[in-house]
């Protein structure tokens, strides 16, 4: 599962050929959650409140890139990195 972004200790990963709805996995320490690309909301798992807020903010700012990576992953094409919130 490729890591497509990393910011503030949060790893964003996406599985190849994963099941709908379009989503990705966010990991922060021992916490993991599946995040809906459309809304930035946790659909499964749990993140601490601050991490969940940061992931949602990042998701909403990068929806088109996430959707593009989702389509690439479904087609088994290498994914592209996406800048994190802490990128200059």
PDB file of N, CA and C in Angstrom:
ATOM      1  N   UNK A   1       0.853  -1.168   0.000  1.00  0.00           N
ATOM      2  CA  UNK A   1       0.000   0.000   0.000  1.00  0.00           C
ATOM      3  C   UNK A   1       0.905   1.239   0.000  1.00  0.00           C
ATOM      4  N   UNK A   2       0.917   1.974  -1.108  1.00  0.00           N
ATOM      5  CA  UNK A   2       1.795   3.149  -1.207  1.00  0.00           C
ATOM      6  C   UNK A   2       1.368   4.308  -0.296  1.00  0.00           C
ATOM      7  N   UNK A   3       2.363   4.975   0.267  1.00  0.00           N
ATOM      8  CA  UNK A   3       2.129   6.205   1.014  1.00  0.00           C
ATOM      9  C   UNK A   3       2.135   7.341   0.003  1.00  0.00           C
ATOM     10  N   UNK A   4       1.019   8.075  -0.079  1.00  0.00           N
ATOM     11  CA  UNK A   4       0.912   9.150  -1.064  1.00  0.00           C
ATOM     12  C   UNK A   4       1.129  10.529  -0.443  1.00  0.00           C
ATOM     13  N   UNK A   5       1.080  10.617   0.879  1.00  0.00           N
ATOM     14  CA  UNK A   5       1.338  11.898   1.556  1.00  0.00           C
ATOM     15  C   UNK A   5       1.747  11.622   2.998  1.00  0.00           C
ATOM     16  N   UNK A   6       2.464  12.580   3.573  1.00  0.00           N
ATOM     17  CA  UNK A   6       2.910  12.489   4.960  1.00  0.00           C
ATOM     18  C   UNK A   6       2.968  13.903   5.507  1.00  0.00           C
ATOM     19  N   UNK A   7       2.256  14.170   6.594  1.00  0.00           N
ATOM     20  CA  UNK A   7       2.308  15.495   7.215  1.00  0.00           C
ATOM     21  C   UNK A   7       1.954  15.387   8.687  1.00  0.00           C
ATOM     22  N   UNK A   8       2.661  16.144   9.502  1.00  0.00           N
ATOM     23  CA  UNK A   8       2.444  16.184  10.957  1.00  0.00           C
ATOM     24  C   UNK A   8       2.326  14.788  11.575  1.00  0.00           C
ATOM     25  N   UNK A   9       3.117  13.850  11.095  1.00  0.00           N
ATOM     26  CA  UNK A   9       3.102  12.488  11.637  1.00  0.00           C
ATOM     27  C   UNK A   9       1.962  11.632  11.137  1.00  0.00           C
ATOM     28  N   UNK A  10       1.197  12.121  10.176  1.00  0.00           N
ATOM     29  CA  UNK A  10       0.049  11.385   9.625  1.00  0.00           C
ATOM     30  C   UNK A  10       0.457  10.819   8.264  1.00  0.00           C
ATOM     31  N   UNK A  11       0.317   9.516   8.109  1.00  0.00           N
ATOM     32  CA  UNK A  11       0.606   8.860   6.834  1.00  0.00           C
ATOM     33  C   UNK A  11      -0.706   8.648   6.087  1.00  0.00           C
ATOM     34  N   UNK A  12      -0.711   9.009   4.816  1.00  0.00           N
ATOM     35  CA  UNK A  12      -1.879   8.822   3.956  1.00  0.00           C
ATOM     36  C   UNK A  12      -1.514   7.745   2.948  1.00  0.00           C
ATOM     37  N   UNK A  13      -2.305   6.659   2.933  1.00  0.00           N
ATOM     38  CA  UNK A  13      -2.015   5.530   2.053  1.00  0.00           C
ATOM     39  C   UNK A  13      -3.269   5.135   1.276  1.00  0.00           C
ATOM     40  N   UNK A  14      -3.029   4.517   0.123  1.00  0.00           N
ATOM     41  CA  UNK A  14      -4.148   4.081  -0.708  1.00  0.00           C
ATOM     42  C   UNK A  14      -3.830   2.681  -1.248  1.00  0.00           C
ATOM     43  N   UNK A  15      -4.789   1.780  -1.106  1.00  0.00           N
ATOM     44  CA  UNK A  15      -4.645   0.420  -1.633  1.00  0.00           C
ATOM     45  C   UNK A  15      -4.926   0.392  -3.129  1.00  0.00           C
ATOM     46  N   UNK A  16      -4.262  -0.510  -3.826  1.00  0.00           N
ATOM     47  CA  UNK A  16      -4.582  -0.766  -5.224  1.00  0.00           C
ATOM     48  C   UNK A  16      -5.833  -1.633  -5.290  1.00  0.00           C
ATOM     49  N   UNK A  17      -6.683  -1.356  -6.271  1.00  0.00           N
ATOM     50  CA  UNK A  17      -7.898  -2.125  -6.548  1.00  0.00           C
ATOM     51  C   UNK A  17      -8.773  -2.289  -5.301  1.00  0.00           C
ATOM     52  N   UNK A  18      -8.908  -1.227  -4.520  1.00  0.00           N
ATOM     53  CA  UNK A  18      -9.722  -1.250  -3.300  1.00  0.00           C
ATOM     54  C   UNK A  18     -11.199  -1.115  -3.654  1.00  0.00           C
ATOM     55  N   UNK A  19     -12.046  -1.435  -2.696  1.00  0.00           N
ATOM     56  CA  UNK A  19     -13.500  -1.403  -2.879  1.00  0.00           C
ATOM     57  C   UNK A  19     -14.042   0.018  -2.736  1.00  0.00           C
ATOM     58  N   UNK A  20     -15.160   0.319  -3.445  1.00  0.00           N
ATOM     59  CA  UNK A  20     -15.824   1.618  -3.249  1.00  0.00           C
ATOM     60  C   UNK A  20     -16.412   1.695  -1.837  1.00  0.00           C
ATOM     61  N   UNK A  21     -16.731   2.877  -1.352  1.00  0.00           N
ATOM     62  CA  UNK A  21     -16.626   4.191  -1.969  1.00  0.00           C
ATOM     63  C   UNK A  21     -15.172   4.655  -1.994  1.00  0.00           C
ATOM     64  N   UNK A  22     -14.856   5.646  -2.849  1.00  0.00           N
ATOM     65  CA  UNK A  22     -13.489   6.160  -2.906  1.00  0.00           C
ATOM     66  C   UNK A  22     -13.017   6.632  -1.526  1.00  0.00           C
ATOM     67  N   UNK A  23     -11.887   6.082  -1.097  1.00  0.00           N
ATOM     68  CA  UNK A  23     -11.371   6.399   0.233  1.00  0.00           C
ATOM     69  C   UNK A  23      -9.875   6.137   0.278  1.00  0.00           C
ATOM     70  N   UNK A  24      -9.264   6.495   1.399  1.00  0.00           N
ATOM     71  CA  UNK A  24      -7.857   6.217   1.653  1.00  0.00           C
ATOM     72  C   UNK A  24      -7.713   5.922   3.131  1.00  0.00           C
ATOM     73  N   UNK A  25      -6.527   5.446   3.511  1.00  0.00           N
ATOM     74  CA  UNK A  25      -6.253   5.162   4.912  1.00  0.00           C
ATOM     75  C   UNK A  25      -5.346   6.229   5.488  1.00  0.00           C
ATOM     76  N   UNK A  26      -5.698   6.730   6.641  1.00  0.00           N
ATOM     77  CA  UNK A  26      -4.858   7.677   7.378  1.00  0.00           C
ATOM     78  C   UNK A  26      -4.392   6.975   8.650  1.00  0.00           C
ATOM     79  N   UNK A  27      -3.094   7.063   8.927  1.00  0.00           N
ATOM     80  CA  UNK A  27      -2.523   6.449  10.120  1.00  0.00           C
ATOM     81  C   UNK A  27      -1.793   7.517  10.913  1.00  0.00           C
ATOM     82  N   UNK A  28      -2.080   7.553  12.210  1.00  0.00           N
ATOM     83  CA  UNK A  28      -1.407   8.472  13.110  1.00  0.00           C
ATOM     84  C   UNK A  28      -1.076   7.689  14.375  1.00  0.00           C
ATOM     85  N   UNK A  29       0.207   7.375  14.574  1.00  0.00           N
ATOM     86  CA  UNK A  29       0.595   6.528  15.708  1.00  0.00           C
ATOM     87  C   UNK A  29      -0.072   5.177  15.582  1.00  0.00           C
ATOM     88  N   UNK A  30      -0.751   4.757  16.628  1.00  0.00           N
ATOM     89  CA  UNK A  30      -1.443   3.466  16.613  1.00  0.00           C
ATOM     90  C   UNK A  30      -2.869   3.576  16.082  1.00  0.00           C
ATOM     91  N   UNK A  31      -3.287   4.760  15.695  1.00  0.00           N
ATOM     92  CA  UNK A  31      -4.643   4.990  15.198  1.00  0.00           C
ATOM     93  C   UNK A  31      -4.694   4.882  13.681  1.00  0.00           C
ATOM     94  N   UNK A  32      -5.741   4.225  13.176  1.00  0.00           N
ATOM     95  CA  UNK A  32      -5.960   4.095  11.735  1.00  0.00           C
ATOM     96  C   UNK A  32      -7.419   4.359  11.426  1.00  0.00           C
ATOM     97  N   UNK A  33      -7.659   4.961  10.261  1.00  0.00           N
ATOM     98  CA  UNK A  33      -9.038   5.213   9.839  1.00  0.00           C
ATOM     99  C   UNK A  33      -9.102   5.254   8.325  1.00  0.00           C
ATOM    100  N   UNK A  34     -10.216   4.804   7.786  1.00  0.00           N
ATOM    101  CA  UNK A  34     -10.520   4.976   6.372  1.00  0.00           C
ATOM    102  C   UNK A  34     -11.279   6.287   6.239  1.00  0.00           C
ATOM    103  N   UNK A  35     -10.869   7.103   5.270  1.00  0.00           N
ATOM    104  CA  UNK A  35     -11.411   8.449   5.096  1.00  0.00           C
ATOM    105  C   UNK A  35     -12.077   8.552   3.732  1.00  0.00           C
ATOM    106  N   UNK A  36     -13.310   9.059   3.700  1.00  0.00           N
ATOM    107  CA  UNK A  36     -14.029   9.261   2.440  1.00  0.00           C
ATOM    108  C   UNK A  36     -13.416  10.438   1.694  1.00  0.00           C
ATOM    109  N   UNK A  37     -13.080  10.229   0.422  1.00  0.00           N
ATOM    110  CA  UNK A  37     -12.504  11.306  -0.378  1.00  0.00           C
ATOM    111  C   UNK A  37     -13.524  12.421  -0.587  1.00  0.00           C
ATOM    112  N   UNK A  38     -14.785  12.086  -0.738  1.00  0.00           N
ATOM    113  CA  UNK A  38     -15.816  13.080  -1.027  1.00  0.00           C
ATOM    114  C   UNK A  38     -16.049  14.064   0.118  1.00  0.00           C
ATOM    115  N   UNK A  39     -15.872  13.605   1.367  1.00  0.00           N
ATOM    116  CA  UNK A  39     -16.234  14.445   2.505  1.00  0.00           C
ATOM    117  C   UNK A  39     -15.104  14.691   3.494  1.00  0.00           C
ATOM    118  N   UNK A  40     -14.074  13.850   3.469  1.00  0.00           N
ATOM    119  CA  UNK A  40     -13.009  13.946   4.457  1.00  0.00           C
ATOM    120  C   UNK A  40     -13.387  13.358   5.797  1.00  0.00           C
ATOM    121  N   UNK A  41     -14.545  12.728   5.876  1.00  0.00           N
ATOM    122  CA  UNK A  41     -15.029  12.137   7.131  1.00  0.00           C
ATOM    123  C   UNK A  41     -14.473  10.729   7.321  1.00  0.00           C
ATOM    124  N   UNK A  42     -14.297  10.330   8.576  1.00  0.00           N
ATOM    125  CA  UNK A  42     -13.908   8.961   8.917  1.00  0.00           C
ATOM    126  C   UNK A  42     -15.086   8.046   8.615  1.00  0.00           C
ATOM    127  N   UNK A  43     -14.838   6.998   7.811  1.00  0.00           N
ATOM    128  CA  UNK A  43     -15.910   6.043   7.519  1.00  0.00           C
ATOM    129  C   UNK A  43     -15.693   4.726   8.245  1.00  0.00           C
ATOM    130  N   UNK A  44     -14.479   4.517   8.747  1.00  0.00           N
ATOM    131  CA  UNK A  44     -14.185   3.305   9.513  1.00  0.00           C
ATOM    132  C   UNK A  44     -12.910   3.564  10.301  1.00  0.00           C
ATOM    133  N   UNK A  45     -12.858   3.102  11.523  1.00  0.00           N
ATOM    134  CA  UNK A  45     -11.687   3.296  12.362  1.00  0.00           C
ATOM    135  C   UNK A  45     -11.797   4.569  13.179  1.00  0.00           C
ATOM    136  N   UNK A  46     -10.634   5.044  13.665  1.00  0.00           N
ATOM    137  CA  UNK A  46     -10.640   6.215  14.536  1.00  0.00           C
ATOM    138  C   UNK A  46      -9.306   6.942  14.470  1.00  0.00           C
ATOM    139  N   UNK A  47      -9.379   8.258  14.507  1.00  0.00           N
ATOM    140  CA  UNK A  47      -8.210   9.123  14.645  1.00  0.00           C
ATOM    141  C   UNK A  47      -8.474  10.076  15.805  1.00  0.00           C
ATOM    142  N   UNK A  48      -7.419  10.524  16.492  1.00  0.00           N
ATOM    143  CA  UNK A  48      -7.621  11.575  17.498  1.00  0.00           C
ATOM    144  C   UNK A  48      -8.239  12.806  16.832  1.00  0.00           C
ATOM    145  N   UNK A  49      -8.960  13.587  17.602  1.00  0.00           N
ATOM    146  CA  UNK A  49      -9.710  14.725  17.075  1.00  0.00           C
ATOM    147  C   UNK A  49      -8.863  15.673  16.224  1.00  0.00           C
ATOM    148  N   UNK A  50      -7.685  16.059  16.716  1.00  0.00           N
ATOM    149  CA  UNK A  50      -6.852  16.992  15.961  1.00  0.00           C
ATOM    150  C   UNK A  50      -6.374  16.372  14.651  1.00  0.00           C
ATOM    151  N   UNK A  51      -5.954  15.115  14.695  1.00  0.00           N
ATOM    152  CA  UNK A  51      -5.509  14.431  13.475  1.00  0.00           C
ATOM    153  C   UNK A  51      -6.664  14.325  12.483  1.00  0.00           C
ATOM    154  N   UNK A  52      -7.864  13.992  12.962  1.00  0.00           N
ATOM    155  CA  UNK A  52      -9.033  13.891  12.080  1.00  0.00           C
ATOM    156  C   UNK A  52      -9.337  15.238  11.431  1.00  0.00           C
ATOM    157  N   UNK A  53      -9.210  16.328  12.191  1.00  0.00           N
ATOM    158  CA  UNK A  53      -9.456  17.675  11.643  1.00  0.00           C
ATOM    159  C   UNK A  53      -8.433  18.015  10.570  1.00  0.00           C
ATOM    160  N   UNK A  54      -7.163  17.705  10.814  1.00  0.00           N
ATOM    161  CA  UNK A  54      -6.113  17.972   9.830  1.00  0.00           C
ATOM    162  C   UNK A  54      -6.306  17.142   8.560  1.00  0.00           C
ATOM    163  N   UNK A  55      -6.667  15.879   8.727  1.00  0.00           N
ATOM    164  CA  UNK A  55      -6.894  15.005   7.573  1.00  0.00           C
ATOM    165  C   UNK A  55      -8.081  15.514   6.753  1.00  0.00           C
ATOM    166  N   UNK A  56      -9.150  15.931   7.420  1.00  0.00           N
ATOM    167  CA  UNK A  56     -10.309  16.451   6.691  1.00  0.00           C
ATOM    168  C   UNK A  56      -9.923  17.717   5.917  1.00  0.00           C
ATOM    169  N   UNK A  57      -9.212  18.626   6.552  1.00  0.00           N
ATOM    170  CA  UNK A  57      -8.764  19.865   5.896  1.00  0.00           C
ATOM    171  C   UNK A  57      -7.916  19.528   4.667  1.00  0.00           C
ATOM    172  N   UNK A  58      -6.980  18.600   4.816  1.00  0.00           N
ATOM    173  CA  UNK A  58      -6.116  18.203   3.709  1.00  0.00           C
ATOM    174  C   UNK A  58      -6.925  17.539   2.594  1.00  0.00           C
ATOM    175  N   UNK A  59      -7.854  16.652   2.965  1.00  0.00           N
ATOM    176  CA  UNK A  59      -8.679  15.950   1.979  1.00  0.00           C
ATOM    177  C   UNK A  59      -9.466  16.933   1.124  1.00  0.00           C
ATOM    178  N   UNK A  60     -10.125  17.881   1.749  1.00  0.00           N
ATOM    179  CA  UNK A  60     -10.943  18.835   1.012  1.00  0.00           C
ATOM    180  C   UNK A  60     -10.094  19.719   0.100  1.00  0.00           C
ATOM    181  N   UNK A  61      -8.843  19.970   0.487  1.00  0.00           N
ATOM    182  CA  UNK A  61      -7.950  20.787  -0.339  1.00  0.00           C
ATOM    183  C   UNK A  61      -7.358  20.002  -1.514  1.00  0.00           C
ATOM    184  N   UNK A  62      -7.399  18.678  -1.447  1.00  0.00           N
ATOM    185  CA  UNK A  62      -6.744  17.848  -2.467  1.00  0.00           C
ATOM    186  C   UNK A  62      -7.694  16.814  -3.084  1.00  0.00           C
ATOM    187  N   UNK A  63      -8.983  17.115  -3.121  1.00  0.00           N
ATOM    188  CA  UNK A  63      -9.946  16.143  -3.630  1.00  0.00           C
ATOM    189  C   UNK A  63      -9.672  15.704  -5.061  1.00  0.00           C
ATOM    190  N   UNK A  64      -9.341  16.612  -5.949  1.00  0.00           N
ATOM    191  CA  UNK A  64      -9.132  16.212  -7.346  1.00  0.00           C
ATOM    192  C   UNK A  64      -7.921  15.280  -7.463  1.00  0.00           C
ATOM    193  N   UNK A  65      -6.867  15.570  -6.732  1.00  0.00           N
ATOM    194  CA  UNK A  65      -5.687  14.698  -6.754  1.00  0.00           C
ATOM    195  C   UNK A  65      -6.000  13.333  -6.141  1.00  0.00           C
ATOM    196  N   UNK A  66      -6.788  13.328  -5.085  1.00  0.00           N
ATOM    197  CA  UNK A  66      -7.177  12.066  -4.458  1.00  0.00           C
ATOM    198  C   UNK A  66      -8.058  11.235  -5.387  1.00  0.00           C
ATOM    199  N   UNK A  67      -9.012  11.882  -6.052  1.00  0.00           N
ATOM    200  CA  UNK A  67      -9.856  11.155  -7.008  1.00  0.00           C
ATOM    201  C   UNK A  67      -9.011  10.588  -8.145  1.00  0.00           C
ATOM    202  N   UNK A  68      -8.045  11.368  -8.619  1.00  0.00           N
ATOM    203  CA  UNK A  68      -7.154  10.894  -9.673  1.00  0.00           C
ATOM    204  C   UNK A  68      -6.366   9.670  -9.197  1.00  0.00           C
ATOM    205  N   UNK A  69      -5.826   9.731  -7.986  1.00  0.00           N
ATOM    206  CA  UNK A  69      -5.096   8.589  -7.446  1.00  0.00           C
ATOM    207  C   UNK A  69      -6.015   7.391  -7.231  1.00  0.00           C
ATOM    208  N   UNK A  70      -7.253   7.634  -6.824  1.00  0.00           N
ATOM    209  CA  UNK A  70      -8.216   6.541  -6.651  1.00  0.00           C
ATOM    210  C   UNK A  70      -8.403   5.806  -7.979  1.00  0.00           C
ATOM    211  N   UNK A  71      -8.588   6.558  -9.055  1.00  0.00           N
ATOM    212  CA  UNK A  71      -8.756   5.947 -10.384  1.00  0.00           C
ATOM    213  C   UNK A  71      -7.489   5.215 -10.808  1.00  0.00           C
ATOM    214  N   UNK A  72      -6.335   5.796 -10.516  1.00  0.00           N
ATOM    215  CA  UNK A  72      -5.070   5.141 -10.834  1.00  0.00           C
ATOM    216  C   UNK A  72      -4.947   3.833 -10.052  1.00  0.00           C
ATOM    217  N   UNK A  73      -5.274   3.861  -8.781  1.00  0.00           N
ATOM    218  CA  UNK A  73      -5.189   2.655  -7.951  1.00  0.00           C
ATOM    219  C   UNK A  73      -6.139   1.566  -8.449  1.00  0.00           C
ATOM    220  N   UNK A  74      -7.336   1.954  -8.836  1.00  0.00           N
ATOM    221  CA  UNK A  74      -8.313   0.978  -9.352  1.00  0.00           C
ATOM    222  C   UNK A  74      -7.814   0.340 -10.647  1.00  0.00           C
ATOM    223  N   UNK A  75      -7.020   1.095 -11.424  1.00  0.00           N
ATOM    224  CA  UNK A  75      -6.483   0.589 -12.691  1.00  0.00           C
ATOM    225  C   UNK A  75      -5.090  -0.036 -12.509  1.00  0.00           C
ATOM    226  N   UNK A  76      -4.624  -0.110 -11.261  1.00  0.00           N
ATOM    227  CA  UNK A  76      -3.318  -0.687 -10.929  1.00  0.00           C
ATOM    228  C   UNK A  76      -2.164   0.081 -11.595  1.00  0.00           C
ATOM    229  N   UNK A  77      -2.312   1.416 -11.628  1.00  0.00           N
ATOM    230  CA  UNK A  77      -1.293   2.314 -12.170  1.00  0.00           C
ATOM    231  C   UNK A  77      -0.599   2.982 -10.975  1.00  0.00           C
ATOM    232  N   UNK A  78       0.724   3.172 -11.022  1.00  0.00           N
ATOM    233  CA  UNK A  78       1.420   3.805  -9.894  1.00  0.00           C
ATOM    234  C   UNK A  78       0.771   5.131  -9.473  1.00  0.00           C
ATOM    235  N   UNK A  79       0.741   5.346  -8.162  1.00  0.00           N
ATOM    236  CA  UNK A  79       0.108   6.535  -7.607  1.00  0.00           C
ATOM    237  C   UNK A  79       1.087   7.694  -7.547  1.00  0.00           C
ATOM    238  N   UNK A  80       0.541   8.902  -7.499  1.00  0.00           N
ATOM    239  CA  UNK A  80       1.344  10.112  -7.427  1.00  0.00           C
ATOM    240  C   UNK A  80       1.342  10.660  -6.000  1.00  0.00           C
ATOM    241  N   UNK A  81       2.459  11.231  -5.593  1.00  0.00           N
ATOM    242  CA  UNK A  81       2.551  11.864  -4.277  1.00  0.00           C
ATOM    243  C   UNK A  81       1.719  13.140  -4.267  1.00  0.00           C
ATOM    244  N   UNK A  82       1.190  13.467  -3.092  1.00  0.00           N
ATOM    245  CA  UNK A  82       0.405  14.687  -2.897  1.00  0.00           C
ATOM    246  C   UNK A  82       1.048  15.448  -1.739  1.00  0.00           C
ATOM    247  N   UNK A  83       1.207  16.742  -1.907  1.00  0.00           N
ATOM    248  CA  UNK A  83       1.823  17.572  -0.864  1.00  0.00           C
ATOM    249  C   UNK A  83       1.000  17.526   0.422  1.00  0.00           C
ATOM    250  N   UNK A  84       1.695  17.514   1.541  1.00  0.00           N
ATOM    251  CA  UNK A  84       1.033  17.546   2.832  1.00  0.00           C
ATOM    252  C   UNK A  84       0.706  18.961   3.260  1.00  0.00           C
ATOM    253  N   UNK A  85       0.035  19.091   4.385  1.00  0.00           N
ATOM    254  CA  UNK A  85      -0.328  20.413   4.911  1.00  0.00           C
ATOM    255  C   UNK A  85       0.901  21.213   5.318  1.00  0.00           C
ATOM    256  N   UNK A  86       1.976  20.530   5.658  1.00  0.00           N
ATOM    257  CA  UNK A  86       3.180  21.229   6.125  1.00  0.00           C
ATOM    258  C   UNK A  86       4.177  21.498   5.008  1.00  0.00           C
ATOM    259  N   UNK A  87       3.765  21.279   3.736  1.00  0.00           N
ATOM    260  CA  UNK A  87       4.661  21.530   2.605  1.00  0.00           C
ATOM    261  C   UNK A  87       4.795  23.036   2.367  1.00  0.00           C
ATOM    262  N   UNK A  88       5.972  23.449   1.970  1.00  0.00           N
ATOM    263  CA  UNK A  88       6.209  24.879   1.692  1.00  0.00           C
ATOM    264  C   UNK A  88       5.757  25.226   0.302  1.00  0.00           C
TER     265      UNK A  88
END
